[in-house]
Amino acid sequence: MTVPEVNPTIVPMNRKIGWALLCVPLFCLTIWAQKESDYHTGRLLKVTDYSDPGSASLNLDYLLHIRDGSNDYFARYRSVFIFGHDRSNLLKADSDVQYRVSGKDLYVKTSDNKEIKARVCTKITYRGFPGVQCGSDRILGGDFSDSGKTDK
């Protein structure tokens, strides 16, 4: 009776697969923990509807104003009306919210532990009028007081 030969490349391949299966859950857990710890608590001062009722566009635009200490954040939340993903009813003015900033996006945590994604805006003065710029769009004429700085 002879013992079959073992291919030496099979053993290292099994080890690589084992390490990969171990690393993927650890990586996911690390990302989840980091996401949870990045939230700050701020005050949602105002939710302003900037949708254009005369436009043929199906977008609903809301400008969010969040204050966290001496920092003011302005962000535009855009929802497409036709898809029914408008979650603006979960954004209540004069309430505390948990939020996080990632790049050019601001995420507000809702009461059902989901996130609303909004685009961070910067405060500007355009031809003497205060406003905010969100990407290539400018919103002018609102209450954009200099009560703090707006971070990008």
Foldseek 3Di string as FASTA:
>chain_A
DDDDDDDVVVVVVVVVVVVVVVVVVVVVVVVVVVVVVQKDKWAFADWAWPDDPVDPAQKTWIWTWTDDPQEIWIWIFIDRNVVPPDPCVQDDHGDMWIWHDDDQWIWTQGPVRDTGITGTWAWDADPNWTWTDGPPDIDTDDPPDPSHHYDD
